[in-house]
Protein backbone atom coordinates (compact mmCIF):
# COMPACT_ATOMS: atom_id res chain seq x y z
CA MET A 1 -116.00 -135.97 126.72
CA PRO A 2 -116.91 -134.00 123.58
CA THR A 3 -117.22 -130.25 123.88
CA TRP A 4 -119.56 -129.91 120.89
CA THR A 5 -123.29 -130.37 121.40
CA GLN A 6 -126.10 -131.93 119.46
CA GLU A 7 -127.54 -128.42 118.98
CA ASP A 8 -124.24 -127.27 117.40
CA TYR A 9 -124.45 -130.20 114.98
CA ILE A 10 -128.14 -129.65 114.15
CA GLN A 11 -127.68 -125.93 113.53
CA ALA A 12 -124.81 -126.50 111.09
CA PHE A 13 -126.57 -129.47 109.44
CA ARG A 14 -129.73 -127.42 108.81
CA PHE A 15 -127.71 -124.59 107.28
CA ALA A 16 -125.84 -127.05 105.04
CA ALA A 17 -129.11 -128.74 104.04
CA GLN A 18 -130.52 -125.42 102.83
CA ALA A 19 -127.29 -124.50 101.05
CA HIS A 20 -127.14 -127.83 99.18
CA LEU A 21 -130.88 -128.32 98.63
CA GLY A 22 -131.47 -130.40 95.50
CA GLN A 23 -127.80 -131.26 94.97
CA THR A 24 -126.60 -134.82 94.60
CA TYR A 25 -123.22 -136.38 95.24
CA PRO A 26 -121.36 -136.46 91.89
CA GLY A 27 -121.87 -139.70 90.00
CA THR A 28 -124.75 -140.86 92.22
CA ASP A 29 -128.39 -140.18 92.98
CA LEU A 30 -127.57 -139.68 96.67
CA PRO A 31 -128.27 -136.32 98.32
CA TYR A 32 -125.13 -134.23 98.75
CA LEU A 33 -125.76 -134.24 102.50
CA MET A 34 -124.46 -137.82 102.50
CA HIS A 35 -120.97 -136.52 101.67
CA LEU A 36 -121.16 -133.91 104.42
CA SER A 37 -122.32 -136.54 106.92
CA PHE A 38 -119.42 -138.81 106.00
CA VAL A 39 -116.90 -135.97 106.39
CA CYS A 40 -118.40 -135.09 109.76
CA MET A 41 -118.27 -138.72 110.93
CA GLU A 42 -114.56 -138.77 110.10
CA MET A 43 -114.05 -135.58 112.09
CA ILE A 44 -115.95 -136.90 115.11
CA ALA A 45 -113.93 -140.13 114.99
CA ALA A 46 -110.69 -138.13 114.82
CA LEU A 47 -111.77 -135.96 117.76
CA ALA A 48 -112.41 -139.09 119.83
CA VAL A 49 -108.76 -140.06 119.35
CA GLU A 50 -107.21 -136.58 119.43
CA PRO A 51 -109.36 -133.98 121.22
CA GLN A 52 -108.92 -130.39 120.05
CA ALA A 53 -109.38 -127.01 121.71
CA ASN A 54 -112.42 -126.08 119.64
CA GLU A 55 -114.32 -129.24 118.78
CA THR A 56 -117.48 -127.28 117.99
CA LEU A 57 -115.63 -125.41 115.24
CA ALA A 58 -114.20 -128.67 113.91
CA VAL A 59 -117.63 -130.35 113.67
CA GLN A 60 -119.27 -127.28 112.15
CA SER A 61 -116.42 -126.89 109.65
CA ALA A 62 -116.82 -130.49 108.54
CA LEU A 63 -120.51 -129.95 107.85
CA LEU A 64 -120.07 -126.55 106.22
CA HIS A 65 -116.85 -127.08 104.25
CA ASP A 66 -118.62 -126.85 100.87
CA VAL A 67 -120.97 -123.94 101.63
């Protein structure tokens, strides 16, 4: 069972959205948030296989790694 919550995710996602407002993923027209979402999906998948002590920090770090 995950220890991070939807609210943890939303809070970090909103902060990242503001920090990267107007940015696009290099070489594309896609919003930069796509990259952050992909990184976070990888982290969530990894946590499903190998749970960690602080999953909230892991998910937030994935979303905020470029802020």
